[in-house]
Amino acid sequence: MAPIRQVKVLNIKNKRRTSYIRQKWREYQKQELVMRMMSYGIEDKPRLAVAFPLAFQHVLSAFTGQIAVGMLLAMGFGLSVKETALLIQCALFITGIATIIQSFGIGKHIGARLPIVSGGSFTLITPMVVAANNPNIGIGGAFGAALVGSGVLFILGPIAIRYLHKYFSPTVTGAVVLTVGICIGATAFGNFNVESETAMTELAIAVMVVVVIVLLNFFGKGLIKQCCILIGMVIGYVVAAALGMVDFSSIGEASWFSMVKPFAWGVNFNVGAILTICAVHIGTLMEMVGDTTGLVTAVSNRLPTSEELSRTIRGGVITGSANVGIVAMTGVGSRFVTGLGGIIFLAFAVFPKLAQLLALIPNCVMAGAVLVMCGQISASGLRVISMGDFTERNTTILAIALAIGIGGNFGVANLAFLPSTVTTIFTGIPGTALVALVLNMILPKAAEDEVTDVKLEGEIPAVQ
């Protein structure tokens, strides 16, 4: 009877191997299709006249997010107008440096060498404000905690990725990407002041921006199609200004040139604040995994490798979600374009008048652009999920993770009785990521789930 059982086992293994080969071949064909759809691949170098508007498009979409992070921190810290401007200037400078590192890399192990626009994370705002308002810590202690936390993440993040990467299945990573699109896209609706007399006008402008972007993306050709988001935002900005919705007086008050002062508030170190920031970085780490997955999927229709994720962490852990939507929609995946965007960020950091011009972009204009970009991110999440099988196990992971993460994000006000660190980690994007990851680690696999775990040696066979 032993030989018969051996034959059965071999037949099962052969079926699994055949299934795995077919799956890999389908993935290969999809990758080839995506590459043909991309206007510019990762290593493509558009000429400067083309690259500049494409890069500026990334800057314009990410700019207000960086401004918002700086403004919220400044309000929480109780800074003056002059100090607020200095903080925003520092945020733009760091964004530029991190984007350049992510796009071009340093050595073999720092920087993803992917079209990534780095930026600040809203998840760090609450713990930093709490630390800054503690008389025993202060603003210097908050920045010191953020500095040490980044160093810890630089060292330990890649180690965690190395051991956890095998659990980053399409179900897990797809759930994270989908949550990124939904949660960030929902913020667009918070940009309307419903009590304002111009609420309907703002809504009309937002709709106009969406319509322009979609029409140019579908019917535009060449550079017009690739810059559809930039053109839509510029048209929205001009219309809003013509309707008297933009006050340009602050541009005249801003200086032409100003040097960045990153340690203007001093730096000191508090153990409690450091531990809190390190705990919150668990969430930012998973957010980075989601953003990088969405980006790689958009460019190559595959999941990122462990090395790509590790290099991204070392290059600046926070990535830009809007950047993912732009790449997915425009088909421009050149890292040299985003690298140029990093240089533009540096220019805005030292020329405040230029920065102020972009800071005046009306919220309704950004709302329209964000809706389109985050819709593309959500679509990328669904594409990643479809790379796996809809087994009972995967469906359970997906359902629970999305319910807790997305549900917690919209119901966070009802969880105010919990410490802010807890709600930051276990709601929204971090919540989806952690729940999906833990469930994927502990739930037993059925025979149907083990098919994709078979290792295939050699190359994908050629089509006969």
Protein backbone atom coordinates (compact mmCIF):
# COMPACT_ATOMS: atom_id res chain seq x y z
CA MET A 1 0.00 0.00 0.00
CA ALA A 2 2.96 2.28 0.59
CA PRO A 3 3.78 2.70 -3.14
CA ILE A 4 0.17 3.63 -3.87
CA ARG A 5 0.21 6.35 -1.18
CA GLN A 6 3.48 7.65 -2.58
CA VAL A 7 1.95 7.88 -6.05
CA LYS A 8 -1.02 9.81 -4.64
CA VAL A 9 1.28 12.23 -2.84
CA LEU A 10 3.30 12.75 -6.01
CA ASN A 11 0.12 13.38 -7.99
CA ILE A 12 -1.00 16.00 -5.43
CA LYS A 13 2.40 17.69 -5.54
CA ASN A 14 2.37 17.67 -9.34
CA LYS A 15 -1.09 19.24 -9.40
CA ARG A 16 0.04 21.89 -6.94
CA ARG A 17 3.17 22.53 -8.98
CA THR A 18 1.12 22.78 -12.18
CA SER A 19 -1.32 25.15 -10.48
CA TYR A 20 1.55 27.25 -9.21
CA ILE A 21 3.15 27.40 -12.70
CA ARG A 22 -0.13 28.49 -14.24
CA GLN A 23 -0.59 31.13 -11.55
CA LYS A 24 2.93 32.48 -12.10
CA TRP A 25 2.45 32.53 -15.85
CA ARG A 26 -0.77 34.53 -15.47
CA GLU A 27 1.07 36.97 -13.18
CA TYR A 28 3.87 37.24 -15.75
CA GLN A 29 1.39 38.04 -18.52
CA LYS A 30 -0.28 40.67 -16.33
CA GLN A 31 3.09 42.26 -15.58
CA GLU A 32 3.87 42.45 -19.29
CA LEU A 33 0.47 44.07 -19.92
CA VAL A 34 1.04 46.66 -17.17
CA MET A 35 4.51 47.47 -18.50
CA ARG A 36 3.04 48.09 -21.96
CA MET A 37 0.44 50.41 -20.40
CA MET A 38 3.06 52.50 -18.55
CA SER A 39 4.12 55.69 -20.31
CA TYR A 40 7.43 55.70 -18.43
CA GLY A 41 8.88 52.77 -16.50
CA ILE A 42 10.97 52.98 -13.35
CA GLU A 43 14.27 53.41 -15.20
CA ASP A 44 13.00 55.66 -17.99
CA LYS A 45 14.39 59.21 -18.13
CA PRO A 46 12.01 61.71 -19.76
CA ARG A 47 13.64 64.84 -21.14
CA LEU A 48 13.61 67.81 -18.75
CA ALA A 49 10.85 69.68 -20.58
CA VAL A 50 8.56 66.68 -20.01
CA ALA A 51 9.89 65.61 -16.61
CA PHE A 52 9.40 69.00 -14.94
CA PRO A 53 5.57 69.24 -15.25
CA LEU A 54 5.30 65.55 -14.36
CA ALA A 55 7.42 66.15 -11.24
CA PHE A 56 5.55 69.34 -10.37
CA GLN A 57 2.34 67.32 -10.47
CA HIS A 58 3.65 65.13 -7.64
CA VAL A 59 4.77 68.20 -5.69
CA LEU A 60 1.44 69.97 -6.10
CA SER A 61 -0.53 66.94 -4.92
CA ALA A 62 1.66 66.30 -1.88
CA PHE A 63 2.31 69.93 -0.96
CA THR A 64 -0.84 70.72 0.95
CA GLY A 65 -0.51 67.46 2.90
CA GLN A 66 2.91 68.57 4.12
CA ILE A 67 1.53 72.00 4.93
CA ALA A 68 -1.31 70.40 6.87
CA VAL A 69 1.05 68.26 8.96
CA GLY A 70 3.16 71.30 9.79
CA MET A 71 0.11 73.45 10.61
CA LEU A 72 -1.42 70.83 12.92
CA LEU A 73 1.88 70.37 14.77
CA ALA A 74 2.31 74.14 15.07
CA MET A 75 -1.21 74.56 16.45
CA GLY A 76 -0.66 71.76 18.94
CA PHE A 77 2.71 73.22 20.00
CA GLY A 78 1.25 76.72 20.36
CA LEU A 79 3.78 78.28 17.95
CA SER A 80 3.72 81.83 16.63
CA VAL A 81 3.14 82.70 12.97
CA LYS A 82 6.89 83.08 12.38
CA GLU A 83 7.65 79.77 14.10
CA THR A 84 4.88 78.04 12.12
CA ALA A 85 6.42 79.20 8.86
CA LEU A 86 9.79 77.87 10.02
CA LEU A 87 8.29 74.48 10.92
CA ILE A 88 6.59 74.16 7.51
CA GLN A 89 9.86 75.13 5.86
CA CYS A 90 11.64 72.31 7.71
CA ALA A 91 8.90 69.84 6.70
CA LEU A 92 9.30 70.73 3.01
CA PHE A 93 13.09 70.43 3.25
CA ILE A 94 12.94 66.98 4.86
CA THR A 95 10.35 65.88 2.29
CA GLY A 96 12.68 66.93 -0.52
CA ILE A 97 15.70 65.12 0.94
CA ALA A 98 13.75 61.92 1.66
CA THR A 99 12.17 61.91 -1.81
CA ILE A 100 15.57 62.24 -3.48
CA ILE A 101 16.95 59.38 -1.36
CA GLN A 102 13.98 57.13 -2.14
CA SER A 103 14.19 57.87 -5.86
CA PHE A 104 17.95 57.60 -6.38
CA GLY A 105 19.16 55.66 -3.34
CA ILE A 106 22.37 55.81 -1.32
CA GLY A 107 24.61 52.80 -1.78
CA LYS A 108 22.96 49.38 -2.07
CA HIS A 109 20.72 49.35 0.98
CA ILE A 110 19.31 52.86 1.51
CA GLY A 111 16.45 54.16 -0.61
CA ALA A 112 13.86 52.14 -2.53
CA ARG A 113 14.94 53.36 -6.01
CA LEU A 114 11.25 53.57 -6.79
CA PRO A 115 9.07 56.55 -7.80
CA ILE A 116 8.28 57.46 -4.19
CA VAL A 117 7.42 60.88 -2.80
CA SER A 118 8.12 60.84 0.95
CA GLY A 119 6.28 62.95 3.44
CA GLY A 120 5.08 63.30 7.02
CA SER A 121 2.50 61.08 8.66
CA PHE A 122 -0.61 62.25 10.48
CA THR A 123 -0.23 59.31 12.89
CA LEU A 124 2.69 61.02 14.63
CA ILE A 125 0.89 64.31 15.26
CA THR A 126 -1.08 63.33 18.38
CA PRO A 127 1.76 61.69 20.35
CA MET A 128 4.16 64.53 19.46
CA VAL A 129 1.65 67.20 20.56
CA VAL A 130 0.98 65.35 23.82
CA ALA A 131 4.74 65.13 24.48
CA ALA A 132 5.33 68.80 23.60
CA ASN A 133 2.63 69.96 26.03
CA ASN A 134 4.14 67.93 28.87
CA PRO A 135 6.25 70.40 30.92
CA ASN A 136 8.80 67.65 31.58
CA ILE A 137 9.31 66.99 27.86
CA GLY A 138 8.52 70.09 25.77
CA ILE A 139 8.88 70.67 22.04
CA GLY A 140 12.55 69.70 22.07
CA GLY A 141 11.65 66.39 23.71
CA ALA A 142 8.96 65.72 21.09
CA PHE A 143 11.46 66.23 18.26
CA GLY A 144 14.08 64.21 20.13
CA ALA A 145 11.62 61.31 20.46
CA ALA A 146 10.81 61.51 16.74
CA LEU A 147 14.53 61.51 15.91
CA VAL A 148 15.31 58.46 18.08
CA GLY A 149 12.16 56.68 16.89
CA SER A 150 13.28 57.11 13.27
CA GLY A 151 16.69 55.68 14.15
CA VAL A 152 15.14 52.67 15.87
CA LEU A 153 12.90 52.09 12.88
CA PHE A 154 15.89 52.40 10.52
CA ILE A 155 17.62 49.56 12.40
CA LEU A 156 14.76 47.29 13.47
CA GLY A 157 12.30 47.88 10.63
CA PRO A 158 14.19 45.86 7.99
CA ILE A 159 14.70 43.03 10.50
CA ALA A 160 10.95 42.90 11.15
CA ILE A 161 10.25 42.96 7.41
CA ARG A 162 12.70 40.11 6.81
CA TYR A 163 10.85 37.82 9.25
CA LEU A 164 7.31 38.98 8.46
CA HIS A 165 7.55 39.27 4.68
CA LYS A 166 6.36 35.70 4.12
CA TYR A 167 3.08 36.67 5.76
CA PHE A 168 2.54 39.65 3.42
CA SER A 169 0.12 37.76 1.21
CA PRO A 170 -2.00 39.49 -1.45
CA THR A 171 -4.90 39.43 1.00
CA VAL A 172 -2.91 41.22 3.72
CA THR A 173 -1.19 43.80 1.57
CA GLY A 174 -4.26 44.34 -0.62
CA ALA A 175 -6.39 45.04 2.44
CA VAL A 176 -3.86 47.67 3.56
CA VAL A 177 -3.74 49.38 0.15
CA LEU A 178 -7.56 49.39 -0.04
CA THR A 179 -7.77 50.95 3.44
CA VAL A 180 -5.24 53.62 2.46
CA GLY A 181 -7.41 54.65 -0.47
CA ILE A 182 -10.69 54.66 1.49
CA CYS A 183 -9.43 56.37 4.67
CA ILE A 184 -7.42 59.09 2.94
CA GLY A 185 -10.08 59.56 0.27
CA ALA A 186 -12.65 60.16 3.02
CA THR A 187 -10.65 63.18 4.20
CA ALA A 188 -11.54 64.93 0.95
CA PHE A 189 -15.10 65.36 2.16
CA GLY A 190 -13.80 67.11 5.27
CA ASN A 191 -12.45 69.94 3.13
CA PHE A 192 -15.87 71.52 2.70
CA ASN A 193 -17.12 74.12 5.16
CA VAL A 194 -20.83 73.26 5.20
CA GLU A 195 -21.65 76.39 7.21
CA SER A 196 -20.01 78.69 4.67
CA GLU A 197 -22.04 80.67 2.13
CA THR A 198 -19.72 79.39 -0.57
CA ALA A 199 -20.26 75.69 0.24
CA MET A 200 -22.13 75.00 -3.02
CA THR A 201 -19.51 76.89 -4.99
CA GLU A 202 -16.74 74.85 -3.36
CA LEU A 203 -18.57 71.64 -4.19
CA ALA A 204 -19.01 72.75 -7.79
CA ILE A 205 -15.28 73.50 -8.13
CA ALA A 206 -14.38 70.10 -6.64
CA VAL A 207 -16.69 68.36 -9.11
CA MET A 208 -15.21 70.40 -11.94
CA VAL A 209 -11.68 69.31 -10.95
CA VAL A 210 -12.78 65.66 -10.93
CA VAL A 211 -14.45 65.98 -14.34
CA VAL A 212 -11.41 67.70 -15.91
CA ILE A 213 -9.00 65.08 -14.57
CA VAL A 214 -11.16 62.16 -15.72
CA LEU A 215 -11.79 63.62 -19.20
CA LEU A 216 -8.12 64.39 -19.78
CA ASN A 217 -7.10 60.96 -18.53
CA PHE A 218 -9.49 59.20 -20.90
CA PHE A 219 -9.37 61.43 -23.98
CA GLY A 220 -6.08 63.28 -23.62
CA LYS A 221 -2.92 62.27 -25.46
CA GLY A 222 0.75 62.34 -24.52
CA LEU A 223 1.79 64.95 -21.97
CA ILE A 224 -1.78 66.25 -21.60
CA LYS A 225 -2.94 62.84 -20.42
CA GLN A 226 0.09 62.36 -18.16
CA CYS A 227 -0.39 65.77 -16.51
CA CYS A 228 -4.17 65.43 -16.12
CA ILE A 229 -4.07 65.91 -12.33
CA LEU A 230 -1.81 68.97 -12.59
CA ILE A 231 -4.03 70.57 -15.24
CA GLY A 232 -7.19 69.83 -13.27
CA MET A 233 -5.77 71.44 -10.12
CA VAL A 234 -4.46 74.50 -11.99
CA ILE A 235 -7.86 75.08 -13.63
CA GLY A 236 -9.58 74.70 -10.25
CA TYR A 237 -7.11 77.11 -8.64
CA VAL A 238 -7.64 79.74 -11.37
CA VAL A 239 -11.44 79.47 -11.19
CA ALA A 240 -11.40 79.75 -7.38
CA ALA A 241 -9.11 82.79 -7.56
CA ALA A 242 -11.36 84.43 -10.18
CA LEU A 243 -14.32 83.96 -7.83
CA GLY A 244 -12.46 85.74 -5.03
CA MET A 245 -11.88 82.60 -2.96
CA VAL A 246 -8.09 83.09 -2.70
CA ASP A 247 -6.39 85.87 -0.72
CA PHE A 248 -2.91 86.51 -2.15
CA SER A 249 -1.90 89.15 0.43
CA SER A 250 0.16 86.63 2.44
CA ILE A 251 2.51 86.15 -0.54
CA GLY A 252 3.68 89.74 -0.23
CA GLU A 253 4.40 89.24 3.46
CA ALA A 254 6.57 86.14 2.88
CA SER A 255 10.33 86.52 2.37
CA TRP A 256 12.06 85.67 -0.89
CA PHE A 257 14.80 83.53 0.66
CA SER A 258 15.20 81.87 4.05
CA MET A 259 17.62 79.22 5.30
CA VAL A 260 16.26 76.09 6.98
CA LYS A 261 16.83 75.79 10.74
CA PRO A 262 15.96 72.17 11.65
CA PHE A 263 16.96 72.38 15.34
CA ALA A 264 15.49 75.80 16.13
CA TRP A 265 13.54 74.40 19.11
CA GLY A 266 16.41 72.32 20.48
CA VAL A 267 16.54 68.57 20.98
CA ASN A 268 16.35 66.60 24.22
CA PHE A 269 15.45 63.02 25.04
CA ASN A 270 12.74 61.57 27.27
CA VAL A 271 12.39 57.80 27.64
CA GLY A 272 8.59 57.85 27.90
CA ALA A 273 8.17 59.98 24.79
CA ILE A 274 10.64 57.83 22.86
CA LEU A 275 8.81 54.60 23.76
CA THR A 276 5.48 56.14 22.71
CA ILE A 277 6.82 57.24 19.31
CA CYS A 278 8.41 53.83 18.75
CA ALA A 279 5.05 52.15 19.46
CA VAL A 280 3.29 54.46 17.00
CA HIS A 281 5.92 53.65 14.39
CA ILE A 282 4.45 50.15 14.24
CA GLY A 283 1.53 51.78 12.50
CA THR A 284 3.66 53.92 10.21
CA LEU A 285 5.66 50.83 9.24
CA MET A 286 2.52 49.06 8.07
CA GLU A 287 1.35 52.22 6.29
CA MET A 288 4.66 52.22 4.43
CA VAL A 289 4.10 48.59 3.42
CA GLY A 290 0.69 49.51 2.03
CA ASP A 291 1.92 52.56 0.09
CA THR A 292 4.91 50.69 -1.36
CA THR A 293 2.72 47.73 -2.31
CA GLY A 294 0.26 50.00 -4.09
CA LEU A 295 3.10 51.70 -5.95
CA VAL A 296 4.86 48.50 -7.06
CA THR A 297 1.53 47.00 -8.09
CA ALA A 298 0.72 50.06 -10.19
CA VAL A 299 4.12 49.98 -11.92
CA SER A 300 4.80 46.24 -12.23
CA ASN A 301 1.62 44.41 -11.16
CA ARG A 302 3.43 42.43 -8.48
CA LEU A 303 4.06 42.54 -4.75
CA PRO A 304 7.19 44.28 -3.46
CA THR A 305 10.12 42.16 -2.39
CA SER A 306 11.52 42.06 1.11
CA GLU A 307 14.60 43.97 -0.07
CA GLU A 308 12.48 46.71 -1.67
CA LEU A 309 10.52 47.20 1.55
CA SER A 310 13.71 47.25 3.63
CA ARG A 311 15.34 49.84 1.37
CA THR A 312 12.20 51.97 1.58
CA ILE A 313 12.34 51.93 5.39
CA ARG A 314 15.99 52.97 5.41
CA GLY A 315 15.30 55.76 2.94
CA GLY A 316 12.57 57.44 4.96
CA VAL A 317 9.77 55.37 6.33
CA ILE A 318 6.81 57.57 5.47
CA THR A 319 5.70 57.47 1.85
CA GLY A 320 3.14 59.58 0.06
CA SER A 321 -0.23 57.99 -0.64
CA ALA A 322 -1.21 60.65 -3.21
CA ASN A 323 1.95 59.77 -5.11
CA VAL A 324 0.66 56.20 -5.53
CA GLY A 325 -2.59 57.42 -7.06
CA ILE A 326 -0.75 59.66 -9.54
CA VAL A 327 1.47 56.82 -10.75
CA ALA A 328 -1.51 54.48 -11.10
CA MET A 329 -3.58 57.02 -13.03
CA THR A 330 -1.00 58.63 -15.31
CA GLY A 331 1.18 55.61 -16.05
CA VAL A 332 4.32 57.64 -15.21
CA GLY A 333 6.45 55.41 -13.01
CA SER A 334 9.87 56.99 -13.55
CA ARG A 335 11.93 57.40 -10.37
CA PHE A 336 13.81 60.22 -12.06
CA VAL A 337 10.57 62.22 -12.23
CA THR A 338 9.98 61.90 -8.48
CA GLY A 339 13.67 62.63 -7.86
CA LEU A 340 13.21 65.92 -9.70
CA GLY A 341 10.14 66.47 -7.54
CA GLY A 342 12.38 66.18 -4.47
CA ILE A 343 14.61 68.93 -5.87
CA ILE A 344 11.54 71.14 -6.41
CA PHE A 345 10.54 70.56 -2.77
CA LEU A 346 13.98 71.81 -1.69
CA ALA A 347 13.48 74.95 -3.77
CA PHE A 348 10.15 75.66 -2.09
CA ALA A 349 11.76 75.12 1.31
CA VAL A 350 14.23 77.98 0.81
CA PHE A 351 11.96 80.31 -1.22
CA PRO A 352 8.94 81.00 1.03
CA LYS A 353 7.12 83.19 -1.52
CA LEU A 354 6.85 80.25 -3.89
CA ALA A 355 5.75 77.95 -1.10
CA GLN A 356 3.06 80.40 -0.01
CA LEU A 357 1.65 80.45 -3.55
CA LEU A 358 1.01 76.70 -3.38
CA ALA A 359 -0.12 76.86 0.25
CA LEU A 360 -3.07 78.97 -0.90
CA ILE A 361 -4.55 76.16 -3.02
CA PRO A 362 -8.24 76.04 -1.95
CA ASN A 363 -9.35 72.98 -0.04
CA CYS A 364 -12.08 72.28 -2.58
CA VAL A 365 -9.48 71.98 -5.35
CA MET A 366 -7.47 69.50 -3.31
CA ALA A 367 -10.67 67.62 -2.45
CA GLY A 368 -11.40 66.92 -6.11
CA ALA A 369 -7.84 65.78 -6.83
CA VAL A 370 -7.66 63.62 -3.69
CA LEU A 371 -10.92 61.86 -4.57
CA VAL A 372 -9.55 60.79 -7.94
CA MET A 373 -6.11 59.78 -6.66
CA CYS A 374 -7.44 57.82 -3.69
CA GLY A 375 -9.94 56.10 -5.95
CA GLN A 376 -6.98 54.87 -7.98
CA ILE A 377 -5.29 53.66 -4.78
CA SER A 378 -8.41 51.73 -3.78
CA ALA A 379 -8.52 50.16 -7.25
CA SER A 380 -4.86 49.12 -6.82
CA GLY A 381 -5.82 47.50 -3.51
CA LEU A 382 -8.53 45.46 -5.21
CA ARG A 383 -6.02 44.44 -7.88
CA VAL A 384 -3.59 43.20 -5.20
CA ILE A 385 -6.36 41.25 -3.44
CA SER A 386 -7.29 39.58 -6.74
CA MET A 387 -3.73 38.20 -6.99
CA GLY A 388 -4.69 35.74 -4.24
CA ASP A 389 -7.50 33.23 -4.02
CA PHE A 390 -10.86 34.04 -2.43
CA THR A 391 -10.78 31.09 -0.06
CA GLU A 392 -12.82 30.99 3.13
CA ARG A 393 -9.67 31.76 5.12
CA ASN A 394 -8.66 34.76 3.01
CA THR A 395 -12.20 36.10 2.98
CA THR A 396 -12.32 35.93 6.78
CA ILE A 397 -9.01 37.79 7.09
CA LEU A 398 -10.16 40.45 4.66
CA ALA A 399 -13.56 40.95 6.28
CA ILE A 400 -12.32 41.29 9.87
CA ALA A 401 -9.30 43.46 9.00
CA LEU A 402 -11.32 45.90 6.90
CA ALA A 403 -14.14 46.07 9.43
CA ILE A 404 -11.79 46.91 12.31
CA GLY A 405 -9.47 49.23 10.40
CA ILE A 406 -11.99 51.22 8.34
CA GLY A 407 -14.71 51.03 10.99
CA GLY A 408 -12.30 52.18 13.67
CA ASN A 409 -11.11 55.06 11.48
CA PHE A 410 -14.61 56.48 11.13
CA GLY A 411 -15.62 55.67 14.72
CA VAL A 412 -12.43 56.82 16.45
CA ALA A 413 -14.35 59.57 18.28
CA ASN A 414 -16.32 56.87 20.11
CA LEU A 415 -13.05 55.31 21.31
CA ALA A 416 -11.88 58.41 23.16
CA PHE A 417 -11.83 56.46 26.44
CA LEU A 418 -8.77 54.56 25.13
CA PRO A 419 -5.21 55.99 25.14
CA SER A 420 -4.41 57.86 21.93
CA THR A 421 -1.50 55.51 21.18
CA VAL A 422 -3.88 52.53 21.22
CA THR A 423 -6.40 54.14 18.87
CA THR A 424 -3.59 55.27 16.54
CA ILE A 425 -2.19 51.74 16.20
CA PHE A 426 -5.42 49.75 16.08
CA THR A 427 -7.64 51.90 13.85
CA GLY A 428 -7.39 53.08 10.27
CA ILE A 429 -4.51 51.90 8.10
CA PRO A 430 -2.36 50.51 10.97
CA GLY A 431 -5.37 48.66 12.40
CA THR A 432 -6.18 46.94 9.11
CA ALA A 433 -2.54 45.99 8.60
CA LEU A 434 -1.97 44.57 12.07
CA VAL A 435 -5.23 42.61 12.22
CA ALA A 436 -4.72 41.15 8.73
CA LEU A 437 -1.10 40.25 9.50
CA VAL A 438 -1.89 38.58 12.83
CA LEU A 439 -4.80 36.60 11.39
CA ASN A 440 -2.66 35.44 8.48
CA MET A 441 -0.06 34.21 10.97
CA ILE A 442 -2.40 32.33 13.33
CA LEU A 443 -5.25 30.99 11.21
CA PRO A 444 -4.57 27.43 9.96
CA LYS A 445 -4.27 26.87 6.23
CA ALA A 446 -6.43 24.40 4.38
CA ALA A 447 -5.10 22.27 1.51
CA GLU A 448 -6.40 24.77 -1.04
CA ASP A 449 -4.38 27.55 0.59
CA GLU A 450 -1.14 25.59 0.42
CA VAL A 451 -1.08 25.44 -3.37
CA THR A 452 0.52 28.84 -3.66
CA ASP A 453 3.10 27.94 -1.02
CA VAL A 454 4.81 25.41 -3.30
CA LYS A 455 8.27 26.62 -4.32
CA LEU A 456 9.04 26.64 -8.02
CA GLU A 457 12.62 26.36 -9.17
CA GLY A 458 13.78 27.77 -12.49
CA GLU A 459 12.10 30.12 -14.89
CA ILE A 460 8.51 30.32 -16.04
CA PRO A 461 8.11 28.01 -19.02
CA ALA A 462 7.59 29.48 -22.44
CA VAL A 463 4.19 29.33 -24.11
CA GLN A 464 3.88 26.47 -26.59
